[in-house]
PDB file of all heavy atoms in Angstrom:
ATOM      1  N   GLN A   1     -14.729   2.713   5.229  1.00  0.00           N
ATOM      2  CA  GLN A   1     -14.712   2.876   6.613  1.00  0.00           C
ATOM      3  C   GLN A   1     -13.199   3.026   6.984  1.00  0.00           C
ATOM      4  O   GLN A   1     -12.523   2.314   6.389  1.00  0.00           O
ATOM      5  CB  GLN A   1     -15.316   1.899   7.429  1.00  0.00           C
ATOM      6  CG  GLN A   1     -16.699   1.778   7.158  1.00  0.00           C
ATOM      7  CD  GLN A   1     -17.400   0.464   8.092  1.00  0.00           C
ATOM      8  OE1 GLN A   1     -17.456   0.660   9.336  1.00  0.00           O
ATOM      9  NE2 GLN A   1     -17.682  -0.562   7.465  1.00  0.00           N
ATOM     10  N   PRO A   2     -12.796   3.994   7.965  1.00  0.00           N
ATOM     11  CA  PRO A   2     -11.439   4.175   8.285  1.00  0.00           C
ATOM     12  C   PRO A   2     -10.995   2.994   9.350  1.00  0.00           C
ATOM     13  O   PRO A   2     -10.872   3.261  10.510  1.00  0.00           O
ATOM     14  CB  PRO A   2     -11.405   5.513   8.824  1.00  0.00           C
ATOM     15  CG  PRO A   2     -12.734   5.664   9.526  1.00  0.00           C
ATOM     16  CD  PRO A   2     -13.714   5.007   8.495  1.00  0.00           C
ATOM     17  N   LEU A   3     -10.803   1.812   8.810  1.00  0.00           N
ATOM     18  CA  LEU A   3     -10.609   0.593   9.682  1.00  0.00           C
ATOM     19  C   LEU A   3      -9.093   0.156   9.664  1.00  0.00           C
ATOM     20  O   LEU A   3      -8.779  -0.896   9.991  1.00  0.00           O
ATOM     21  CB  LEU A   3     -11.375  -0.425   9.233  1.00  0.00           C
ATOM     22  CG  LEU A   3     -12.982  -0.179   9.502  1.00  0.00           C
ATOM     23  CD1 LEU A   3     -13.836  -1.274   9.008  1.00  0.00           C
ATOM     24  CD2 LEU A   3     -13.251   0.003  10.968  1.00  0.00           C
ATOM     25  N   GLY A   4      -8.149   1.121   9.204  1.00  0.00           N
ATOM     26  CA  GLY A   4      -6.796   0.728   9.358  1.00  0.00           C
ATOM     27  C   GLY A   4      -6.041   0.487   8.134  1.00  0.00           C
ATOM     28  O   GLY A   4      -6.628   0.225   6.981  1.00  0.00           O
ATOM     29  N   THR A   5      -4.649   0.244   8.318  1.00  0.00           N
ATOM     30  CA  THR A   5      -3.976  -0.003   7.084  1.00  0.00           C
ATOM     31  C   THR A   5      -4.191  -1.344   6.524  1.00  0.00           C
ATOM     32  O   THR A   5      -4.197  -1.481   5.243  1.00  0.00           O
ATOM     33  CB  THR A   5      -2.451   0.069   7.515  1.00  0.00           C
ATOM     34  OG1 THR A   5      -2.142  -0.969   8.670  1.00  0.00           O
ATOM     35  CG2 THR A   5      -1.990   1.380   8.043  1.00  0.00           C
ATOM     36  N   GLY A   6      -4.193  -2.384   7.320  1.00  0.00           N
ATOM     37  CA  GLY A   6      -4.629  -3.741   6.777  1.00  0.00           C
ATOM     38  C   GLY A   6      -5.974  -3.728   6.015  1.00  0.00           C
ATOM     39  O   GLY A   6      -6.051  -4.383   4.895  1.00  0.00           O
ATOM     40  N   HIS A   7      -6.913  -3.079   6.541  1.00  0.00           N
ATOM     41  CA  HIS A   7      -8.245  -3.066   5.842  1.00  0.00           C
ATOM     42  C   HIS A   7      -8.170  -2.327   4.494  1.00  0.00           C
ATOM     43  O   HIS A   7      -8.646  -2.592   3.540  1.00  0.00           O
ATOM     44  CB  HIS A   7      -9.240  -2.361   6.829  1.00  0.00           C
ATOM     45  CG  HIS A   7     -10.640  -2.196   6.172  1.00  0.00           C
ATOM     46  ND1 HIS A   7     -10.997  -1.004   5.557  1.00  0.00           N
ATOM     47  CD2 HIS A   7     -11.730  -3.096   6.124  1.00  0.00           C
ATOM     48  CE1 HIS A   7     -12.265  -1.125   5.207  1.00  0.00           C
ATOM     49  NE2 HIS A   7     -12.682  -2.441   5.529  1.00  0.00           N
ATOM     50  N   ALA A   8      -7.367  -1.196   4.668  1.00  0.00           N
ATOM     51  CA  ALA A   8      -7.210  -0.359   3.294  1.00  0.00           C
ATOM     52  C   ALA A   8      -6.648  -1.180   2.094  1.00  0.00           C
ATOM     53  O   ALA A   8      -6.998  -1.220   1.054  1.00  0.00           O
ATOM     54  CB  ALA A   8      -6.358   0.823   3.604  1.00  0.00           C
ATOM     55  N   ILE A   9      -5.451  -1.974   2.594  1.00  0.00           N
ATOM     56  CA  ILE A   9      -4.844  -2.746   1.512  1.00  0.00           C
ATOM     57  C   ILE A   9      -5.794  -3.843   0.994  1.00  0.00           C
ATOM     58  O   ILE A   9      -5.861  -4.130  -0.233  1.00  0.00           O
ATOM     59  CB  ILE A   9      -3.551  -3.439   2.207  1.00  0.00           C
ATOM     60  CG1 ILE A   9      -2.554  -2.424   2.565  1.00  0.00           C
ATOM     61  CG2 ILE A   9      -2.970  -4.575   1.268  1.00  0.00           C
ATOM     62  CD1 ILE A   9      -1.442  -2.837   3.465  1.00  0.00           C
ATOM     63  N   MET A  10      -6.660  -4.394   1.863  1.00  0.00           N
ATOM     64  CA  MET A  10      -7.580  -5.378   1.405  1.00  0.00           C
ATOM     65  C   MET A  10      -8.683  -4.829   0.638  1.00  0.00           C
ATOM     66  O   MET A  10      -9.334  -5.623  -0.085  1.00  0.00           O
ATOM     67  CB  MET A  10      -8.105  -6.238   2.569  1.00  0.00           C
ATOM     68  CG  MET A  10      -7.055  -7.086   3.299  1.00  0.00           C
ATOM     69  SD  MET A  10      -6.364  -8.383   2.212  1.00  0.00           S
ATOM     70  CE  MET A  10      -7.749  -9.518   2.099  1.00  0.00           C
ATOM     71  N   CYS A  11      -8.967  -3.646   0.537  1.00  0.00           N
ATOM     72  CA  CYS A  11      -9.876  -3.059  -0.296  1.00  0.00           C
ATOM     73  C   CYS A  11      -9.462  -3.086  -1.794  1.00  0.00           C
ATOM     74  O   CYS A  11     -10.297  -2.968  -2.554  1.00  0.00           O
ATOM     75  CB  CYS A  11     -10.126  -1.631   0.043  1.00  0.00           C
ATOM     76  SG  CYS A  11     -11.104  -1.367   1.584  1.00  0.00           S
ATOM     77  N   ALA A  12      -8.187  -3.303  -2.044  1.00  0.00           N
ATOM     78  CA  ALA A  12      -7.557  -3.541  -3.361  1.00  0.00           C
ATOM     79  C   ALA A  12      -7.431  -4.946  -3.656  1.00  0.00           C
ATOM     80  O   ALA A  12      -6.433  -5.356  -4.339  1.00  0.00           O
ATOM     81  CB  ALA A  12      -6.314  -2.660  -3.412  1.00  0.00           C
ATOM     82  N   LYS A  13      -8.110  -5.780  -2.956  1.00  0.00           N
ATOM     83  CA  LYS A  13      -7.817  -7.296  -3.136  1.00  0.00           C
ATOM     84  C   LYS A  13      -7.757  -7.799  -4.505  1.00  0.00           C
ATOM     85  O   LYS A  13      -6.797  -8.631  -4.857  1.00  0.00           O
ATOM     86  CB  LYS A  13      -9.075  -8.046  -2.447  1.00  0.00           C
ATOM     87  CG  LYS A  13      -8.832  -9.479  -2.309  1.00  0.00           C
ATOM     88  CD  LYS A  13      -9.956 -10.205  -1.751  1.00  0.00           C
ATOM     89  CE  LYS A  13     -10.377  -9.746  -0.336  1.00  0.00           C
ATOM     90  NZ  LYS A  13     -11.514 -10.665   0.305  1.00  0.00           N
ATOM     91  N   PRO A  14      -8.573  -7.451  -5.502  1.00  0.00           N
ATOM     92  CA  PRO A  14      -8.227  -7.876  -6.900  1.00  0.00           C
ATOM     93  C   PRO A  14      -6.883  -7.599  -7.487  1.00  0.00           C
ATOM     94  O   PRO A  14      -6.464  -8.334  -8.326  1.00  0.00           O
ATOM     95  CB  PRO A  14      -9.419  -7.165  -7.643  1.00  0.00           C
ATOM     96  CG  PRO A  14     -10.451  -6.796  -6.728  1.00  0.00           C
ATOM     97  CD  PRO A  14      -9.721  -6.545  -5.473  1.00  0.00           C
ATOM     98  N   SER A  15      -6.240  -6.621  -6.942  1.00  0.00           N
ATOM     99  CA  SER A  15      -4.901  -6.247  -7.429  1.00  0.00           C
ATOM    100  C   SER A  15      -3.672  -6.888  -6.633  1.00  0.00           C
ATOM    101  O   SER A  15      -2.614  -6.760  -7.044  1.00  0.00           O
ATOM    102  CB  SER A  15      -4.717  -4.741  -7.496  1.00  0.00           C
ATOM    103  OG  SER A  15      -5.703  -4.166  -8.346  1.00  0.00           O
ATOM    104  N   LEU A  16      -4.015  -7.680  -5.555  1.00  0.00           N
ATOM    105  CA  LEU A  16      -3.073  -8.237  -4.622  1.00  0.00           C
ATOM    106  C   LEU A  16      -2.539  -9.582  -5.137  1.00  0.00           C
ATOM    107  O   LEU A  16      -2.878 -10.589  -4.629  1.00  0.00           O
ATOM    108  CB  LEU A  16      -3.617  -8.154  -3.333  1.00  0.00           C
ATOM    109  CG  LEU A  16      -4.021  -6.912  -2.607  1.00  0.00           C
ATOM    110  CD1 LEU A  16      -4.531  -7.160  -1.317  1.00  0.00           C
ATOM    111  CD2 LEU A  16      -2.912  -5.820  -2.612  1.00  0.00           C
ATOM    112  N   SER A  17      -1.698  -9.567  -6.196  1.00  0.00           N
ATOM    113  CA  SER A  17      -1.066 -10.712  -6.581  1.00  0.00           C
ATOM    114  C   SER A  17       0.289 -10.276  -7.402  1.00  0.00           C
ATOM    115  O   SER A  17       0.469  -8.995  -7.804  1.00  0.00           O
ATOM    116  CB  SER A  17      -1.963 -11.357  -7.728  1.00  0.00           C
ATOM    117  OG  SER A  17      -2.150 -10.642  -8.869  1.00  0.00           O
ATOM    118  N   GLY A  18       1.241 -11.201  -7.313  1.00  0.00           N
ATOM    119  CA  GLY A  18       2.557 -10.968  -7.848  1.00  0.00           C
ATOM    120  C   GLY A  18       3.297  -9.920  -7.073  1.00  0.00           C
ATOM    121  O   GLY A  18       2.962  -9.537  -5.989  1.00  0.00           O
ATOM    122  N   PRO A  19       4.568  -9.544  -7.622  1.00  0.00           N
ATOM    123  CA  PRO A  19       5.453  -8.594  -6.958  1.00  0.00           C
ATOM    124  C   PRO A  19       4.651  -7.142  -6.820  1.00  0.00           C
ATOM    125  O   PRO A  19       4.161  -6.709  -7.914  1.00  0.00           O
ATOM    126  CB  PRO A  19       6.629  -8.492  -7.779  1.00  0.00           C
ATOM    127  CG  PRO A  19       6.212  -8.908  -9.195  1.00  0.00           C
ATOM    128  CD  PRO A  19       5.068 -10.002  -8.997  1.00  0.00           C
ATOM    129  N   ALA A  20       4.841  -6.608  -5.724  1.00  0.00           N
ATOM    130  CA  ALA A  20       4.177  -5.301  -5.511  1.00  0.00           C
ATOM    131  C   ALA A  20       4.799  -4.440  -4.339  1.00  0.00           C
ATOM    132  O   ALA A  20       5.524  -5.062  -3.359  1.00  0.00           O
ATOM    133  CB  ALA A  20       2.753  -5.536  -5.097  1.00  0.00           C
ATOM    134  N   VAL A  21       4.706  -3.064  -4.460  1.00  0.00           N
ATOM    135  CA  VAL A  21       5.232  -2.259  -3.395  1.00  0.00           C
ATOM    136  C   VAL A  21       3.978  -1.605  -2.895  1.00  0.00           C
ATOM    137  O   VAL A  21       2.914  -1.168  -3.598  1.00  0.00           O
ATOM    138  CB  VAL A  21       5.912  -1.124  -4.001  1.00  0.00           C
ATOM    139  CG1 VAL A  21       6.217  -0.012  -2.992  1.00  0.00           C
ATOM    140  CG2 VAL A  21       7.402  -1.743  -4.270  1.00  0.00           C
ATOM    141  N   ILE A  22       3.826  -1.486  -1.504  1.00  0.00           N
ATOM    142  CA  ILE A  22       2.703  -0.801  -0.863  1.00  0.00           C
ATOM    143  C   ILE A  22       3.209   0.444  -0.246  1.00  0.00           C
ATOM    144  O   ILE A  22       4.269   0.428   0.372  1.00  0.00           O
ATOM    145  CB  ILE A  22       2.060  -1.770   0.164  1.00  0.00           C
ATOM    146  CG1 ILE A  22       1.381  -2.961  -0.501  1.00  0.00           C
ATOM    147  CG2 ILE A  22       1.044  -0.987   1.041  1.00  0.00           C
ATOM    148  CD1 ILE A  22       0.858  -4.042   0.543  1.00  0.00           C
ATOM    149  N   ALA A  23       2.715   1.532  -0.493  1.00  0.00           N
ATOM    150  CA  ALA A  23       3.224   2.731   0.017  1.00  0.00           C
ATOM    151  C   ALA A  23       2.114   3.722   0.393  1.00  0.00           C
ATOM    152  O   ALA A  23       1.107   3.923  -0.249  1.00  0.00           O
ATOM    153  CB  ALA A  23       4.077   3.509  -1.078  1.00  0.00           C
ATOM    154  N   TYR A  24       2.296   4.178   1.611  1.00  0.00           N
ATOM    155  CA  TYR A  24       1.293   5.199   2.175  1.00  0.00           C
ATOM    156  C   TYR A  24       1.666   6.598   1.793  1.00  0.00           C
ATOM    157  O   TYR A  24       2.869   7.070   1.732  1.00  0.00           O
ATOM    158  CB  TYR A  24       1.272   5.146   3.759  1.00  0.00           C
ATOM    159  CG  TYR A  24       0.834   3.766   4.163  1.00  0.00           C
ATOM    160  CD1 TYR A  24       1.650   2.706   4.673  1.00  0.00           C
ATOM    161  CD2 TYR A  24      -0.538   3.354   4.023  1.00  0.00           C
ATOM    162  CE1 TYR A  24       1.263   1.576   4.961  1.00  0.00           C
ATOM    163  CE2 TYR A  24      -1.024   2.095   4.244  1.00  0.00           C
ATOM    164  CZ  TYR A  24      -0.038   1.158   4.769  1.00  0.00           C
ATOM    165  OH  TYR A  24      -0.436  -0.079   5.114  1.00  0.00           O
ATOM    166  N   ALA A  25       0.677   7.372   1.392  1.00  0.00           N
ATOM    167  CA  ALA A  25       0.845   8.541   0.482  1.00  0.00           C
ATOM    168  C   ALA A  25       0.939   9.824   1.350  1.00  0.00           C
ATOM    169  O   ALA A  25       0.460  10.940   0.965  1.00  0.00           O
ATOM    170  CB  ALA A  25      -0.358   8.753  -0.531  1.00  0.00           C
ATOM    171  N   ASP A  26       1.601   9.811   2.411  1.00  0.00           N
ATOM    172  CA  ASP A  26       1.809  11.040   3.337  1.00  0.00           C
ATOM    173  C   ASP A  26       3.267  11.243   3.520  1.00  0.00           C
ATOM    174  O   ASP A  26       3.660  11.926   4.474  1.00  0.00           O
ATOM    175  CB  ASP A  26       0.996  11.044   4.522  1.00  0.00           C
ATOM    176  CG  ASP A  26       1.447   9.862   5.469  1.00  0.00           C
ATOM    177  OD1 ASP A  26       2.094   9.051   5.100  1.00  0.00           O
ATOM    178  OD2 ASP A  26       0.800   9.900   6.514  1.00  0.00           O
ATOM    179  N   THR A  27       4.214  10.656   2.700  1.00  0.00           N
ATOM    180  CA  THR A  27       5.607  10.744   2.938  1.00  0.00           C
ATOM    181  C   THR A  27       6.244  10.937   1.548  1.00  0.00           C
ATOM    182  O   THR A  27       5.718  10.488   0.513  1.00  0.00           O
ATOM    183  CB  THR A  27       6.148   9.527   3.749  1.00  0.00           C
ATOM    184  OG1 THR A  27       7.400   9.714   4.021  1.00  0.00           O
ATOM    185  CG2 THR A  27       6.038   8.366   2.864  1.00  0.00           C
ATOM    186  N   LEU A  28       7.428  11.423   1.687  1.00  0.00           N
ATOM    187  CA  LEU A  28       8.363  11.593   0.327  1.00  0.00           C
ATOM    188  C   LEU A  28       9.677  10.993   0.751  1.00  0.00           C
ATOM    189  O   LEU A  28      10.085  10.953   1.830  1.00  0.00           O
ATOM    190  CB  LEU A  28       8.443  13.029  -0.155  1.00  0.00           C
ATOM    191  CG  LEU A  28       7.133  13.553  -0.572  1.00  0.00           C
ATOM    192  CD1 LEU A  28       7.458  15.164  -0.838  1.00  0.00           C
ATOM    193  CD2 LEU A  28       6.672  12.900  -1.872  1.00  0.00           C
ATOM    194  N   ILE A  29      10.409  10.473  -0.329  1.00  0.00           N
ATOM    195  CA  ILE A  29      11.621   9.801  -0.081  1.00  0.00           C
ATOM    196  C   ILE A  29      12.623  10.244  -1.133  1.00  0.00           C
ATOM    197  O   ILE A  29      12.376  10.810  -2.265  1.00  0.00           O
ATOM    198  CB  ILE A  29      11.603   8.269  -0.243  1.00  0.00           C
ATOM    199  CG1 ILE A  29      10.890   7.899  -1.600  1.00  0.00           C
ATOM    200  CG2 ILE A  29      10.660   7.732   0.837  1.00  0.00           C
ATOM    201  CD1 ILE A  29      11.141   6.375  -1.978  1.00  0.00           C
ATOM    202  N   ARG A  30      13.833   9.965  -0.949  1.00  0.00           N
ATOM    203  CA  ARG A  30      14.927  10.046  -1.743  1.00  0.00           C
ATOM    204  C   ARG A  30      15.742   8.722  -1.551  1.00  0.00           C
ATOM    205  O   ARG A  30      16.179   8.569  -0.390  1.00  0.00           O
ATOM    206  CB  ARG A  30      15.821  11.327  -1.703  1.00  0.00           C
ATOM    207  CG  ARG A  30      15.176  12.490  -1.727  1.00  0.00           C
ATOM    208  CD  ARG A  30      14.785  12.940  -3.145  1.00  0.00           C
ATOM    209  NE  ARG A  30      15.899  13.314  -4.087  1.00  0.00           N
ATOM    210  CZ  ARG A  30      15.773  13.832  -5.241  1.00  0.00           C
ATOM    211  NH1 ARG A  30      14.702  13.845  -5.891  1.00  0.00           N
ATOM    212  NH2 ARG A  30      16.941  14.193  -5.958  1.00  0.00           N
ATOM    213  N   ALA A  31      15.990   7.946  -2.554  1.00  0.00           N
ATOM    214  CA  ALA A  31      16.572   6.579  -2.358  1.00  0.00           C
ATOM    215  C   ALA A  31      17.291   6.148  -3.508  1.00  0.00           C
ATOM    216  O   ALA A  31      16.854   6.461  -4.609  1.00  0.00           O
ATOM    217  CB  ALA A  31      15.664   5.542  -1.883  1.00  0.00           C
ATOM    218  N   GLU A  32      18.265   5.214  -3.298  1.00  0.00           N
ATOM    219  CA  GLU A  32      18.975   4.641  -4.373  1.00  0.00           C
ATOM    220  C   GLU A  32      19.455   3.277  -3.882  1.00  0.00           C
ATOM    221  O   GLU A  32      20.486   3.200  -3.119  1.00  0.00           O
ATOM    222  CB  GLU A  32      20.131   5.447  -4.890  1.00  0.00           C
ATOM    223  CG  GLU A  32      20.910   4.928  -6.173  1.00  0.00           C
ATOM    224  CD  GLU A  32      20.019   4.946  -7.394  1.00  0.00           C
ATOM    225  OE1 GLU A  32      19.160   5.969  -7.537  1.00  0.00           O
ATOM    226  OE2 GLU A  32      20.123   4.206  -8.371  1.00  0.00           O
ATOM    227  N   PHE A  33      18.759   2.231  -4.160  1.00  0.00           N
ATOM    228  CA  PHE A  33      19.197   0.897  -3.675  1.00  0.00           C
ATOM    229  C   PHE A  33      18.494  -0.130  -4.575  1.00  0.00           C
ATOM    230  O   PHE A  33      17.570   0.015  -5.383  1.00  0.00           O
ATOM    231  CB  PHE A  33      18.935   0.510  -2.252  1.00  0.00           C
ATOM    232  CG  PHE A  33      17.451   0.627  -1.901  1.00  0.00           C
ATOM    233  CD1 PHE A  33      16.632  -0.472  -2.037  1.00  0.00           C
ATOM    234  CD2 PHE A  33      16.908   1.781  -1.210  1.00  0.00           C
ATOM    235  CE1 PHE A  33      15.357  -0.345  -1.720  1.00  0.00           C
ATOM    236  CE2 PHE A  33      15.577   1.742  -0.897  1.00  0.00           C
ATOM    237  CZ  PHE A  33      14.755   0.719  -1.149  1.00  0.00           C
TER     238      PHE A  33
END
């Protein structure tokens, strides 16, 4: 169900441990830091 960003993240609950980056897949970047 399209219930928002927080809900989408929690759909991946088994993987939510340790260091992680969360990224929404409708943008592109160039970065160096």
